Amino acid sequence: MPRHHKKDTAPGGSQRQLRVGETIRHAIAEILSHGNVHDADLEGHIITVPEVRMSADLKLATIYVMPLGGRDTEIVIGALERNKKFLRGEISRRVNLKFAPDIRFRVDDRFDEAERIEKLLRTSAVQRDLAPDSQDSEE
């Protein structure tokens, strides 16, 4: 009987995509933390790299970054894009892959989204619905 491989449907991709993404995340975080990129727009910024998402074929790495304090995000993204060739070369030296993936940078806006949800949860309408004396909680 032929074996059929189920297409991976895990959020974030296959185990290999996740593993390669995490390896690249560590490499890019180390490069940025050591100040290896010489660009005036990056000086004075501490940049966190919360996630790297790999395409299914591992040829594209989307690197999510957030400058500390969330300031100057567009300036930082622009500087990283300008230095993409250098960064890709550094990643390929540190990460053992057959081909160095193309890289692109995106602002990690999950913190903004979490703050928006937190504000919604504090609104009077939601607080009223969550109150312990509501009828649904007695069941």
N, C-alpha and C. Protein backbone atom coordinates (compact mmCIF):
# COMPACT_ATOMS: atom_id res chain seq x y z
N MET A 1 0.85 -1.17 0.00
CA MET A 1 0.00 0.00 0.00
C MET A 1 0.90 1.24 0.00
N PRO A 2 0.65 2.19 -0.89
CA PRO A 2 1.52 3.37 -0.94
C PRO A 2 1.33 4.24 0.30
N ARG A 3 2.42 4.84 0.72
CA ARG A 3 2.37 5.75 1.86
C ARG A 3 2.11 7.16 1.36
N HIS A 4 1.16 7.80 1.96
CA HIS A 4 0.87 9.19 1.61
C HIS A 4 1.31 10.07 2.76
N HIS A 5 2.07 11.07 2.42
CA HIS A 5 2.51 12.00 3.45
C HIS A 5 1.49 13.12 3.55
N LYS A 6 1.00 13.28 4.74
CA LYS A 6 0.04 14.36 4.98
C LYS A 6 0.77 15.69 4.89
N LYS A 7 0.18 16.61 4.15
CA LYS A 7 0.76 17.94 4.04
C LYS A 7 0.76 18.59 5.42
N ASP A 8 1.88 19.18 5.78
CA ASP A 8 1.98 19.78 7.10
C ASP A 8 1.08 21.00 7.19
N THR A 9 0.25 21.03 8.20
CA THR A 9 -0.67 22.14 8.38
C THR A 9 -0.43 22.87 9.70
N ALA A 10 0.70 22.63 10.31
CA ALA A 10 1.00 23.29 11.58
C ALA A 10 1.12 24.78 11.36
N PRO A 11 0.57 25.57 12.29
CA PRO A 11 0.73 27.02 12.14
C PRO A 11 2.20 27.38 12.24
N GLY A 12 2.68 28.16 11.30
CA GLY A 12 4.08 28.53 11.31
C GLY A 12 4.94 27.64 10.45
N GLY A 13 4.41 26.53 9.98
CA GLY A 13 5.14 25.69 9.05
C GLY A 13 5.60 24.38 9.64
N SER A 14 6.39 23.68 8.83
CA SER A 14 6.90 22.36 9.22
C SER A 14 7.96 22.50 10.30
N GLN A 15 8.32 21.37 10.89
CA GLN A 15 9.38 21.38 11.90
C GLN A 15 10.68 21.93 11.32
N ARG A 16 10.96 21.58 10.08
CA ARG A 16 12.20 22.06 9.45
C ARG A 16 12.15 23.57 9.27
N GLN A 17 11.01 24.10 8.80
CA GLN A 17 10.87 25.55 8.64
C GLN A 17 11.06 26.25 9.99
N LEU A 18 10.45 25.71 11.02
CA LEU A 18 10.56 26.31 12.35
C LEU A 18 11.99 26.27 12.86
N ARG A 19 12.66 25.13 12.66
CA ARG A 19 14.03 24.97 13.13
C ARG A 19 14.98 25.92 12.38
N VAL A 20 14.85 25.99 11.06
CA VAL A 20 15.71 26.89 10.27
C VAL A 20 15.42 28.35 10.64
N GLY A 21 14.14 28.68 10.79
CA GLY A 21 13.77 30.04 11.17
C GLY A 21 14.37 30.43 12.51
N GLU A 22 14.32 29.52 13.47
CA GLU A 22 14.88 29.81 14.79
C GLU A 22 16.40 29.94 14.72
N THR A 23 17.05 29.14 13.90
CA THR A 23 18.50 29.25 13.74
C THR A 23 18.87 30.60 13.13
N ILE A 24 18.12 31.01 12.13
CA ILE A 24 18.37 32.31 11.50
C ILE A 24 18.07 33.45 12.48
N ARG A 25 17.02 33.27 13.28
CA ARG A 25 16.67 34.29 14.27
C ARG A 25 17.83 34.52 15.24
N HIS A 26 18.42 33.42 15.72
CA HIS A 26 19.57 33.54 16.62
C HIS A 26 20.74 34.23 15.93
N ALA A 27 21.00 33.86 14.68
CA ALA A 27 22.13 34.46 13.95
C ALA A 27 21.93 35.95 13.75
N ILE A 28 20.74 36.35 13.30
CA ILE A 28 20.51 37.78 13.02
C ILE A 28 20.50 38.58 14.32
N ALA A 29 19.96 38.00 15.40
CA ALA A 29 19.96 38.69 16.69
C ALA A 29 21.39 38.92 17.17
N GLU A 30 22.25 37.92 16.98
CA GLU A 30 23.65 38.05 17.38
C GLU A 30 24.36 39.11 16.54
N ILE A 31 24.12 39.11 15.25
CA ILE A 31 24.73 40.10 14.35
C ILE A 31 24.33 41.51 14.77
N LEU A 32 23.05 41.70 15.04
CA LEU A 32 22.56 43.04 15.40
C LEU A 32 23.02 43.45 16.80
N SER A 33 23.07 42.50 17.73
CA SER A 33 23.46 42.85 19.10
C SER A 33 24.94 43.21 19.21
N HIS A 34 25.76 42.65 18.34
CA HIS A 34 27.19 42.95 18.37
C HIS A 34 27.56 44.18 17.57
N GLY A 35 26.58 44.83 16.95
CA GLY A 35 26.86 46.05 16.20
C GLY A 35 27.66 45.82 14.94
N ASN A 36 27.50 44.66 14.32
CA ASN A 36 28.27 44.33 13.11
C ASN A 36 27.80 45.10 11.89
N VAL A 37 26.61 45.68 11.94
CA VAL A 37 26.09 46.45 10.81
C VAL A 37 26.43 47.91 11.05
N HIS A 38 27.23 48.47 10.16
CA HIS A 38 27.66 49.86 10.34
C HIS A 38 26.76 50.77 9.52
N ASP A 39 25.72 51.28 10.20
CA ASP A 39 24.76 52.17 9.57
C ASP A 39 24.33 53.18 10.64
N ALA A 40 24.42 54.45 10.32
CA ALA A 40 24.09 55.50 11.29
C ALA A 40 22.67 55.38 11.81
N ASP A 41 21.75 54.91 10.95
CA ASP A 41 20.35 54.78 11.37
C ASP A 41 20.12 53.65 12.37
N LEU A 42 21.07 52.73 12.47
CA LEU A 42 20.93 51.63 13.43
C LEU A 42 21.63 51.93 14.75
N GLU A 43 22.56 52.89 14.72
CA GLU A 43 23.30 53.22 15.94
C GLU A 43 22.33 53.77 16.99
N GLY A 44 22.50 53.30 18.20
CA GLY A 44 21.64 53.76 19.28
C GLY A 44 20.32 53.02 19.38
N HIS A 45 20.09 52.05 18.50
CA HIS A 45 18.87 51.25 18.58
C HIS A 45 19.19 49.83 19.05
N ILE A 46 18.43 49.38 20.01
CA ILE A 46 18.48 47.98 20.40
C ILE A 46 17.31 47.32 19.69
N ILE A 47 17.62 46.32 18.89
CA ILE A 47 16.59 45.69 18.05
C ILE A 47 16.37 44.25 18.50
N THR A 48 15.13 43.93 18.80
CA THR A 48 14.80 42.55 19.12
C THR A 48 14.29 41.85 17.88
N VAL A 49 14.54 40.55 17.81
CA VAL A 49 14.10 39.73 16.68
C VAL A 49 13.22 38.61 17.27
N PRO A 50 11.91 38.88 17.41
CA PRO A 50 11.06 37.88 18.05
C PRO A 50 10.77 36.65 17.20
N GLU A 51 10.86 36.79 15.87
CA GLU A 51 10.48 35.65 15.03
C GLU A 51 11.08 35.78 13.64
N VAL A 52 11.37 34.62 13.05
CA VAL A 52 11.75 34.52 11.64
C VAL A 52 10.87 33.43 11.04
N ARG A 53 10.14 33.78 10.00
CA ARG A 53 9.28 32.79 9.33
C ARG A 53 9.91 32.43 7.99
N MET A 54 10.01 31.14 7.77
CA MET A 54 10.60 30.62 6.53
C MET A 54 9.50 30.21 5.56
N SER A 55 9.75 30.43 4.27
CA SER A 55 8.84 29.90 3.25
C SER A 55 8.99 28.38 3.22
N ALA A 56 8.02 27.71 2.63
CA ALA A 56 8.04 26.23 2.60
C ALA A 56 9.30 25.68 1.94
N ASP A 57 9.81 26.38 0.92
CA ASP A 57 11.01 25.91 0.22
C ASP A 57 12.31 26.42 0.85
N LEU A 58 12.20 27.13 1.97
CA LEU A 58 13.33 27.68 2.72
C LEU A 58 14.14 28.71 1.93
N LYS A 59 13.55 29.28 0.89
CA LYS A 59 14.28 30.25 0.07
C LYS A 59 14.02 31.69 0.48
N LEU A 60 13.05 31.92 1.38
CA LEU A 60 12.74 33.27 1.83
C LEU A 60 12.57 33.27 3.35
N ALA A 61 13.29 34.15 4.00
CA ALA A 61 13.17 34.32 5.44
C ALA A 61 12.57 35.70 5.70
N THR A 62 11.42 35.73 6.36
CA THR A 62 10.81 36.99 6.76
C THR A 62 11.20 37.21 8.21
N ILE A 63 11.98 38.25 8.43
CA ILE A 63 12.54 38.53 9.74
C ILE A 63 11.74 39.64 10.39
N TYR A 64 11.10 39.31 11.51
CA TYR A 64 10.30 40.29 12.24
C TYR A 64 11.18 40.94 13.29
N VAL A 65 11.20 42.27 13.29
CA VAL A 65 12.05 43.02 14.21
C VAL A 65 11.23 44.09 14.93
N MET A 66 11.74 44.50 16.08
CA MET A 66 11.13 45.58 16.82
C MET A 66 12.22 46.35 17.56
N PRO A 67 12.39 47.64 17.20
CA PRO A 67 13.33 48.45 17.97
C PRO A 67 12.80 48.63 19.39
N LEU A 68 13.70 48.65 20.36
CA LEU A 68 13.31 48.82 21.74
C LEU A 68 12.50 50.10 21.89
N GLY A 69 11.37 49.99 22.54
CA GLY A 69 10.50 51.15 22.72
C GLY A 69 9.58 51.38 21.53
N GLY A 70 9.75 50.61 20.46
CA GLY A 70 8.89 50.74 19.29
C GLY A 70 9.07 52.04 18.53
N ARG A 71 10.21 52.71 18.73
CA ARG A 71 10.40 53.99 18.05
C ARG A 71 11.24 53.82 16.78
N ASP A 72 11.04 54.71 15.84
CA ASP A 72 11.81 54.74 14.58
C ASP A 72 11.72 53.44 13.80
N THR A 73 10.59 52.78 13.81
CA THR A 73 10.48 51.49 13.15
C THR A 73 10.77 51.59 11.65
N GLU A 74 10.24 52.62 10.99
CA GLU A 74 10.45 52.75 9.55
C GLU A 74 11.92 53.03 9.22
N ILE A 75 12.58 53.82 10.04
CA ILE A 75 14.00 54.13 9.84
C ILE A 75 14.83 52.85 10.00
N VAL A 76 14.52 52.07 11.03
CA VAL A 76 15.26 50.83 11.29
C VAL A 76 15.03 49.83 10.16
N ILE A 77 13.79 49.67 9.72
CA ILE A 77 13.50 48.74 8.61
C ILE A 77 14.26 49.19 7.36
N GLY A 78 14.26 50.48 7.08
CA GLY A 78 14.99 51.00 5.92
C GLY A 78 16.48 50.70 5.99
N ALA A 79 17.06 50.88 7.18
CA ALA A 79 18.49 50.60 7.36
C ALA A 79 18.78 49.11 7.18
N LEU A 80 17.91 48.26 7.71
CA LEU A 80 18.11 46.81 7.55
C LEU A 80 17.99 46.42 6.08
N GLU A 81 17.03 47.00 5.38
CA GLU A 81 16.87 46.71 3.95
C GLU A 81 18.10 47.16 3.16
N ARG A 82 18.65 48.32 3.51
CA ARG A 82 19.86 48.82 2.82
C ARG A 82 21.04 47.88 3.03
N ASN A 83 21.07 47.22 4.18
CA ASN A 83 22.19 46.34 4.53
C ASN A 83 21.86 44.86 4.32
N LYS A 84 20.83 44.60 3.53
CA LYS A 84 20.34 43.24 3.32
C LYS A 84 21.41 42.31 2.76
N LYS A 85 22.19 42.80 1.79
CA LYS A 85 23.23 41.96 1.16
C LYS A 85 24.26 41.52 2.20
N PHE A 86 24.72 42.46 3.01
CA PHE A 86 25.68 42.15 4.06
C PHE A 86 25.08 41.15 5.05
N LEU A 87 23.85 41.41 5.50
CA LEU A 87 23.20 40.55 6.49
C LEU A 87 22.97 39.15 5.95
N ARG A 88 22.58 39.06 4.69
CA ARG A 88 22.37 37.74 4.08
C ARG A 88 23.68 36.95 4.05
N GLY A 89 24.77 37.63 3.72
CA GLY A 89 26.09 36.99 3.71
C GLY A 89 26.49 36.51 5.10
N GLU A 90 26.24 37.35 6.12
CA GLU A 90 26.56 36.97 7.49
C GLU A 90 25.73 35.77 7.94
N ILE A 91 24.46 35.78 7.57
CA ILE A 91 23.59 34.65 7.93
C ILE A 91 24.11 33.37 7.26
N SER A 92 24.46 33.47 5.99
CA SER A 92 24.91 32.26 5.27
C SER A 92 26.22 31.72 5.86
N ARG A 93 27.07 32.60 6.40
CA ARG A 93 28.31 32.14 7.05
C ARG A 93 28.02 31.41 8.35
N ARG A 94 26.96 31.82 9.04
CA ARG A 94 26.68 31.27 10.38
C ARG A 94 25.70 30.10 10.36
N VAL A 95 24.86 30.04 9.34
CA VAL A 95 23.83 29.00 9.29
C VAL A 95 24.15 28.07 8.14
N ASN A 96 24.26 26.80 8.44
CA ASN A 96 24.66 25.82 7.44
C ASN A 96 23.45 25.37 6.61
N LEU A 97 23.21 26.08 5.51
CA LEU A 97 22.13 25.72 4.58
C LEU A 97 22.73 25.57 3.20
N LYS A 98 22.05 24.79 2.36
CA LYS A 98 22.53 24.60 1.00
C LYS A 98 22.54 25.92 0.24
N PHE A 99 21.47 26.71 0.42
CA PHE A 99 21.38 28.03 -0.23
C PHE A 99 21.04 29.07 0.83
N ALA A 100 21.65 30.23 0.72
CA ALA A 100 21.30 31.32 1.63
C ALA A 100 19.93 31.86 1.21
N PRO A 101 18.99 31.93 2.14
CA PRO A 101 17.66 32.43 1.76
C PRO A 101 17.67 33.93 1.49
N ASP A 102 16.77 34.37 0.64
CA ASP A 102 16.53 35.80 0.53
C ASP A 102 15.94 36.23 1.86
N ILE A 103 16.18 37.46 2.24
CA ILE A 103 15.63 37.93 3.50
C ILE A 103 14.83 39.20 3.28
N ARG A 104 13.81 39.36 4.11
CA ARG A 104 13.05 40.61 4.11
C ARG A 104 12.71 40.92 5.56
N PHE A 105 12.54 42.19 5.82
CA PHE A 105 12.30 42.64 7.19
C PHE A 105 10.90 43.21 7.32
N ARG A 106 10.27 42.89 8.44
CA ARG A 106 8.94 43.39 8.76
C ARG A 106 8.94 43.82 10.22
N VAL A 107 8.12 44.82 10.53
CA VAL A 107 7.95 45.25 11.91
C VAL A 107 7.05 44.23 12.61
N ASP A 108 7.47 43.80 13.78
CA ASP A 108 6.65 42.89 14.58
C ASP A 108 5.63 43.72 15.33
N ASP A 109 4.38 43.65 14.90
CA ASP A 109 3.34 44.48 15.51
C ASP A 109 2.48 43.71 16.50
N ARG A 110 2.92 42.56 16.94
CA ARG A 110 2.13 41.77 17.89
C ARG A 110 1.96 42.50 19.22
N PHE A 111 2.96 43.29 19.62
CA PHE A 111 2.85 44.01 20.88
C PHE A 111 1.76 45.07 20.79
N ASP A 112 1.69 45.75 19.64
CA ASP A 112 0.62 46.73 19.43
C ASP A 112 -0.74 46.07 19.48
N GLU A 113 -0.84 44.91 18.85
CA GLU A 113 -2.11 44.18 18.84
C GLU A 113 -2.49 43.73 20.25
N ALA A 114 -1.54 43.27 21.02
CA ALA A 114 -1.82 42.85 22.39
C ALA A 114 -2.29 44.03 23.23
N GLU A 115 -1.68 45.19 23.01
CA GLU A 115 -2.09 46.39 23.75
C GLU A 115 -3.51 46.80 23.37
N ARG A 116 -3.84 46.69 22.09
CA ARG A 116 -5.19 47.03 21.63
C ARG A 116 -6.21 46.10 22.28
N ILE A 117 -5.91 44.82 22.36
CA ILE A 117 -6.82 43.85 22.98
C ILE A 117 -6.95 44.14 24.47
N GLU A 118 -5.83 44.47 25.11
CA GLU A 118 -5.86 44.80 26.54
C GLU A 118 -6.76 45.99 26.80
N LYS A 119 -6.68 47.02 25.95
CA LYS A 119 -7.56 48.19 26.11
C LYS A 119 -9.02 47.81 25.93
N LEU A 120 -9.29 46.95 24.95
CA LEU A 120 -10.67 46.49 24.75
C LEU A 120 -11.20 45.75 25.97
N LEU A 121 -10.36 44.92 26.56
CA LEU A 121 -10.78 44.15 27.73
C LEU A 121 -11.09 45.05 28.93
N ARG A 122 -10.49 46.23 28.96
CA ARG A 122 -10.73 47.15 30.07
C ARG A 122 -11.95 48.04 29.87
N THR A 123 -12.59 47.99 28.69
CA THR A 123 -13.76 48.85 28.46
C THR A 123 -14.91 48.42 29.36
N SER A 124 -15.79 49.36 29.67
CA SER A 124 -16.90 49.08 30.59
C SER A 124 -17.83 47.99 30.05
N ALA A 125 -18.05 47.96 28.75
CA ALA A 125 -18.95 46.95 28.19
C ALA A 125 -18.39 45.54 28.40
N VAL A 126 -17.12 45.36 28.17
CA VAL A 126 -16.50 44.05 28.36
C VAL A 126 -16.45 43.71 29.84
N GLN A 127 -16.10 44.68 30.68
CA GLN A 127 -16.06 44.44 32.13
C GLN A 127 -17.43 44.00 32.64
N ARG A 128 -18.48 44.63 32.12
CA ARG A 128 -19.84 44.26 32.52
C ARG A 128 -20.13 42.81 32.14
N ASP A 129 -19.71 42.41 30.93
CA ASP A 129 -19.94 41.04 30.47
C ASP A 129 -19.11 40.02 31.26
N LEU A 130 -17.99 40.45 31.78
CA LEU A 130 -17.12 39.55 32.54
C LEU A 130 -17.43 39.53 34.03
N ALA A 131 -18.32 40.38 34.47
CA ALA A 131 -18.63 40.49 35.90
C ALA A 131 -19.12 39.15 36.45
N PRO A 132 -18.68 38.77 37.65
CA PRO A 132 -19.04 37.46 38.22
C PRO A 132 -20.53 37.31 38.52
N ASP A 133 -21.24 38.41 38.63
CA ASP A 133 -22.66 38.29 38.95
C ASP A 133 -23.54 38.18 37.70
N SER A 134 -22.93 37.98 36.53
CA SER A 134 -23.73 37.81 35.33
C SER A 134 -24.45 36.46 35.38
N GLN A 135 -25.55 36.34 34.70
CA GLN A 135 -26.40 35.16 34.79
C GLN A 135 -25.70 33.88 34.32
N ASP A 136 -24.82 34.00 33.33
CA ASP A 136 -24.17 32.82 32.77
C ASP A 136 -23.22 32.14 33.74
N SER A 137 -22.69 32.87 34.70
CA SER A 137 -21.67 32.29 35.57
C SER A 137 -22.25 31.40 36.65
N GLU A 138 -23.56 31.40 36.84
CA GLU A 138 -24.19 30.57 37.88
C GLU A 138 -24.40 29.13 37.44
N GLU A 139 -24.21 28.82 36.18
CA GLU A 139 -24.48 27.46 35.67
C GLU A 139 -23.45 26.47 36.05
